[in-house]
Amino acid sequence: MDEGQEEMNNQEFETFKKMLVLHLEELKGLESDPKAWKRKLETVIETLKD
């Protein structure tokens, strides 16, 4: 893997981490509503599958 490809992979990973943290923060805010929490979790799972 060349240096340019590695840098792109690092950027993609950083973007992924930021997105995951945002989703987890949203889940944290829904902890008092189990149905909304489950819907959000299902959304996160579907997003990560792509």
PDB file of N, CA and C in Angstrom:
ATOM      1  N   MET A   1       0.857  -1.173   0.000  1.00  0.00           N
ATOM      2  CA  MET A   1       0.000   0.000   0.000  1.00  0.00           C
ATOM      3  C   MET A   1       0.902   1.235   0.000  1.00  0.00           C
ATOM      4  N   ASP A   2       0.618   2.170  -0.901  1.00  0.00           N
ATOM      5  CA  ASP A   2       1.455   3.363  -0.939  1.00  0.00           C
ATOM      6  C   ASP A   2       1.003   4.385   0.100  1.00  0.00           C
ATOM      7  N   GLU A   3       1.816   5.406   0.270  1.00  0.00           N
ATOM      8  CA  GLU A   3       1.565   6.391   1.321  1.00  0.00           C
ATOM      9  C   GLU A   3       0.251   7.143   1.114  1.00  0.00           C
ATOM     10  N   GLY A   4      -0.085   7.454  -0.136  1.00  0.00           N
ATOM     11  CA  GLY A   4      -1.343   8.147  -0.427  1.00  0.00           C
ATOM     12  C   GLY A   4      -2.552   7.313  -0.046  1.00  0.00           C
ATOM     13  N   GLN A   5      -2.503   6.023  -0.348  1.00  0.00           N
ATOM     14  CA  GLN A   5      -3.603   5.115   0.003  1.00  0.00           C
ATOM     15  C   GLN A   5      -3.733   4.991   1.513  1.00  0.00           C
ATOM     16  N   GLU A   6      -2.603   4.917   2.201  1.00  0.00           N
ATOM     17  CA  GLU A   6      -2.627   4.806   3.653  1.00  0.00           C
ATOM     18  C   GLU A   6      -3.232   6.067   4.278  1.00  0.00           C
ATOM     19  N   GLU A   7      -2.890   7.225   3.747  1.00  0.00           N
ATOM     20  CA  GLU A   7      -3.442   8.483   4.269  1.00  0.00           C
ATOM     21  C   GLU A   7      -4.955   8.521   4.057  1.00  0.00           C
ATOM     22  N   MET A   8      -5.422   8.058   2.893  1.00  0.00           N
ATOM     23  CA  MET A   8      -6.855   8.033   2.621  1.00  0.00           C
ATOM     24  C   MET A   8      -7.554   7.078   3.599  1.00  0.00           C
ATOM     25  N   ASN A   9      -6.954   5.932   3.854  1.00  0.00           N
ATOM     26  CA  ASN A   9      -7.537   4.985   4.805  1.00  0.00           C
ATOM     27  C   ASN A   9      -7.609   5.597   6.196  1.00  0.00           C
ATOM     28  N   ASN A  10      -6.574   6.319   6.597  1.00  0.00           N
ATOM     29  CA  ASN A  10      -6.571   6.972   7.900  1.00  0.00           C
ATOM     30  C   ASN A  10      -7.684   8.006   7.984  1.00  0.00           C
ATOM     31  N   GLN A  11      -7.875   8.788   6.931  1.00  0.00           N
ATOM     32  CA  GLN A  11      -8.936   9.800   6.916  1.00  0.00           C
ATOM     33  C   GLN A  11     -10.309   9.144   6.982  1.00  0.00           C
ATOM     34  N   GLU A  12     -10.492   8.064   6.229  1.00  0.00           N
ATOM     35  CA  GLU A  12     -11.766   7.346   6.259  1.00  0.00           C
ATOM     36  C   GLU A  12     -12.034   6.790   7.650  1.00  0.00           C
ATOM     37  N   PHE A  13     -11.012   6.280   8.304  1.00  0.00           N
ATOM     38  CA  PHE A  13     -11.171   5.733   9.639  1.00  0.00           C
ATOM     39  C   PHE A  13     -11.519   6.831  10.639  1.00  0.00           C
ATOM     40  N   GLU A  14     -10.873   7.984  10.523  1.00  0.00           N
ATOM     41  CA  GLU A  14     -11.164   9.108  11.416  1.00  0.00           C
ATOM     42  C   GLU A  14     -12.603   9.580  11.223  1.00  0.00           C
ATOM     43  N   THR A  15     -13.058   9.637   9.988  1.00  0.00           N
ATOM     44  CA  THR A  15     -14.440  10.017   9.701  1.00  0.00           C
ATOM     45  C   THR A  15     -15.393   8.996  10.306  1.00  0.00           C
ATOM     46  N   PHE A  16     -15.075   7.728  10.156  1.00  0.00           N
ATOM     47  CA  PHE A  16     -15.888   6.652  10.721  1.00  0.00           C
ATOM     48  C   PHE A  16     -15.981   6.794  12.239  1.00  0.00           C
ATOM     49  N   LYS A  17     -14.835   7.054  12.888  1.00  0.00           N
ATOM     50  CA  LYS A  17     -14.836   7.197  14.347  1.00  0.00           C
ATOM     51  C   LYS A  17     -15.713   8.371  14.775  1.00  0.00           C
ATOM     52  N   LYS A  18     -15.604   9.491  14.085  1.00  0.00           N
ATOM     53  CA  LYS A  18     -16.410  10.663  14.445  1.00  0.00           C
ATOM     54  C   LYS A  18     -17.898  10.357  14.301  1.00  0.00           C
ATOM     55  N   MET A  19     -18.261   9.678  13.209  1.00  0.00           N
ATOM     56  CA  MET A  19     -19.658   9.323  12.983  1.00  0.00           C
ATOM     57  C   MET A  19     -20.147   8.373  14.073  1.00  0.00           C
ATOM     58  N   LEU A  20     -19.336   7.410  14.435  1.00  0.00           N
ATOM     59  CA  LEU A  20     -19.709   6.450  15.467  1.00  0.00           C
ATOM     60  C   LEU A  20     -19.907   7.142  16.810  1.00  0.00           C
ATOM     61  N   VAL A  21     -19.023   8.056  17.151  1.00  0.00           N
ATOM     62  CA  VAL A  21     -19.151   8.791  18.408  1.00  0.00           C
ATOM     63  C   VAL A  21     -20.455   9.598  18.416  1.00  0.00           C
ATOM     64  N   LEU A  22     -20.768  10.244  17.306  1.00  0.00           N
ATOM     65  CA  LEU A  22     -22.019  11.006  17.230  1.00  0.00           C
ATOM     66  C   LEU A  22     -23.228  10.100  17.441  1.00  0.00           C
ATOM     67  N   HIS A  23     -23.218   8.941  16.802  1.00  0.00           N
ATOM     68  CA  HIS A  23     -24.325   7.992  16.978  1.00  0.00           C
ATOM     69  C   HIS A  23     -24.420   7.525  18.427  1.00  0.00           C
ATOM     70  N   LEU A  24     -23.291   7.242  19.041  1.00  0.00           N
ATOM     71  CA  LEU A  24     -23.299   6.775  20.428  1.00  0.00           C
ATOM     72  C   LEU A  24     -23.775   7.872  21.377  1.00  0.00           C
ATOM     73  N   GLU A  25     -23.417   9.115  21.090  1.00  0.00           N
ATOM     74  CA  GLU A  25     -23.896  10.225  21.917  1.00  0.00           C
ATOM     75  C   GLU A  25     -25.421  10.365  21.788  1.00  0.00           C
ATOM     76  N   GLU A  26     -25.933  10.166  20.575  1.00  0.00           N
ATOM     77  CA  GLU A  26     -27.388  10.195  20.386  1.00  0.00           C
ATOM     78  C   GLU A  26     -28.050   9.070  21.178  1.00  0.00           C
ATOM     79  N   LEU A  27     -27.460   7.883  21.146  1.00  0.00           N
ATOM     80  CA  LEU A  27     -28.009   6.756  21.916  1.00  0.00           C
ATOM     81  C   LEU A  27     -28.017   7.077  23.405  1.00  0.00           C
ATOM     82  N   LYS A  28     -26.966   7.691  23.876  1.00  0.00           N
ATOM     83  CA  LYS A  28     -26.873   8.048  25.293  1.00  0.00           C
ATOM     84  C   LYS A  28     -28.027   8.969  25.679  1.00  0.00           C
ATOM     85  N   GLY A  29     -28.398   9.873  24.786  1.00  0.00           N
ATOM     86  CA  GLY A  29     -29.492  10.791  25.058  1.00  0.00           C
ATOM     87  C   GLY A  29     -30.857  10.118  25.042  1.00  0.00           C
ATOM     88  N   LEU A  30     -30.946   8.926  24.479  1.00  0.00           N
ATOM     89  CA  LEU A  30     -32.231   8.219  24.366  1.00  0.00           C
ATOM     90  C   LEU A  30     -32.399   7.139  25.429  1.00  0.00           C
ATOM     91  N   GLU A  31     -31.507   7.080  26.396  1.00  0.00           N
ATOM     92  CA  GLU A  31     -31.533   5.962  27.351  1.00  0.00           C
ATOM     93  C   GLU A  31     -32.823   5.865  28.153  1.00  0.00           C
ATOM     94  N   SER A  32     -33.566   6.964  28.279  1.00  0.00           N
ATOM     95  CA  SER A  32     -34.818   6.914  29.047  1.00  0.00           C
ATOM     96  C   SER A  32     -36.004   6.451  28.194  1.00  0.00           C
ATOM     97  N   ASP A  33     -35.785   6.264  26.872  1.00  0.00           N
ATOM     98  CA  ASP A  33     -36.857   5.834  25.971  1.00  0.00           C
ATOM     99  C   ASP A  33     -36.397   4.577  25.227  1.00  0.00           C
ATOM    100  N   PRO A  34     -36.679   3.398  25.787  1.00  0.00           N
ATOM    101  CA  PRO A  34     -36.152   2.151  25.197  1.00  0.00           C
ATOM    102  C   PRO A  34     -36.544   1.929  23.734  1.00  0.00           C
ATOM    103  N   LYS A  35     -37.760   2.304  23.355  1.00  0.00           N
ATOM    104  CA  LYS A  35     -38.166   2.084  21.957  1.00  0.00           C
ATOM    105  C   LYS A  35     -37.376   2.978  21.009  1.00  0.00           C
ATOM    106  N   ALA A  36     -37.197   4.241  21.373  1.00  0.00           N
ATOM    107  CA  ALA A  36     -36.410   5.154  20.539  1.00  0.00           C
ATOM    108  C   ALA A  36     -34.955   4.702  20.499  1.00  0.00           C
ATOM    109  N   TRP A  37     -34.453   4.206  21.620  1.00  0.00           N
ATOM    110  CA  TRP A  37     -33.073   3.723  21.703  1.00  0.00           C
ATOM    111  C   TRP A  37     -32.885   2.559  20.737  1.00  0.00           C
ATOM    112  N   LYS A  38     -33.854   1.642  20.734  1.00  0.00           N
ATOM    113  CA  LYS A  38     -33.756   0.478  19.845  1.00  0.00           C
ATOM    114  C   LYS A  38     -33.808   0.905  18.374  1.00  0.00           C
ATOM    115  N   ARG A  39     -34.700   1.836  18.043  1.00  0.00           N
ATOM    116  CA  ARG A  39     -34.777   2.320  16.653  1.00  0.00           C
ATOM    117  C   ARG A  39     -33.463   2.970  16.230  1.00  0.00           C
ATOM    118  N   LYS A  40     -32.896   3.786  17.108  1.00  0.00           N
ATOM    119  CA  LYS A  40     -31.635   4.453  16.781  1.00  0.00           C
ATOM    120  C   LYS A  40     -30.527   3.426  16.632  1.00  0.00           C
ATOM    121  N   LEU A  41     -30.481   2.445  17.507  1.00  0.00           N
ATOM    122  CA  LEU A  41     -29.458   1.402  17.416  1.00  0.00           C
ATOM    123  C   LEU A  41     -29.578   0.649  16.094  1.00  0.00           C
ATOM    124  N   GLU A  42     -30.799   0.334  15.680  1.00  0.00           N
ATOM    125  CA  GLU A  42     -30.999  -0.345  14.398  1.00  0.00           C
ATOM    126  C   GLU A  42     -30.511   0.528  13.245  1.00  0.00           C
ATOM    127  N   THR A  43     -30.732   1.839  13.330  1.00  0.00           N
ATOM    128  CA  THR A  43     -30.262   2.771  12.313  1.00  0.00           C
ATOM    129  C   THR A  43     -28.741   2.773  12.254  1.00  0.00           C
ATOM    130  N   VAL A  44     -28.103   2.804  13.422  1.00  0.00           N
ATOM    131  CA  VAL A  44     -26.642   2.786  13.486  1.00  0.00           C
ATOM    132  C   VAL A  44     -26.096   1.513  12.854  1.00  0.00           C
ATOM    133  N   ILE A  45     -26.702   0.396  13.184  1.00  0.00           N
ATOM    134  CA  ILE A  45     -26.253  -0.894  12.631  1.00  0.00           C
ATOM    135  C   ILE A  45     -26.369  -0.886  11.106  1.00  0.00           C
ATOM    136  N   GLU A  46     -27.494  -0.420  10.596  1.00  0.00           N
ATOM    137  CA  GLU A  46     -27.679  -0.371   9.147  1.00  0.00           C
ATOM    138  C   GLU A  46     -26.662   0.562   8.493  1.00  0.00           C
ATOM    139  N   THR A  47     -26.389   1.689   9.139  1.00  0.00           N
ATOM    140  CA  THR A  47     -25.418   2.640   8.602  1.00  0.00           C
ATOM    141  C   THR A  47     -24.023   2.011   8.533  1.00  0.00           C
ATOM    142  N   LEU A  48     -23.654   1.282   9.565  1.00  0.00           N
ATOM    143  CA  LEU A  48     -22.326   0.688   9.619  1.00  0.00           C
ATOM    144  C   LEU A  48     -22.168  -0.485   8.657  1.00  0.00           C
ATOM    145  N   LYS A  49     -23.259  -1.113   8.274  1.00  0.00           N
ATOM    146  CA  LYS A  49     -23.192  -2.225   7.326  1.00  0.00           C
ATOM    147  C   LYS A  49     -22.773  -1.758   5.947  1.00  0.00           C
ATOM    148  N   ASP A  50     -23.130  -0.523   5.605  1.00  0.00           N
ATOM    149  CA  ASP A  50     -22.843   0.004   4.251  1.00  0.00           C
ATOM    150  C   ASP A  50     -21.400   0.207   3.954  1.00  0.00           C
TER     151      ASP A  50
END
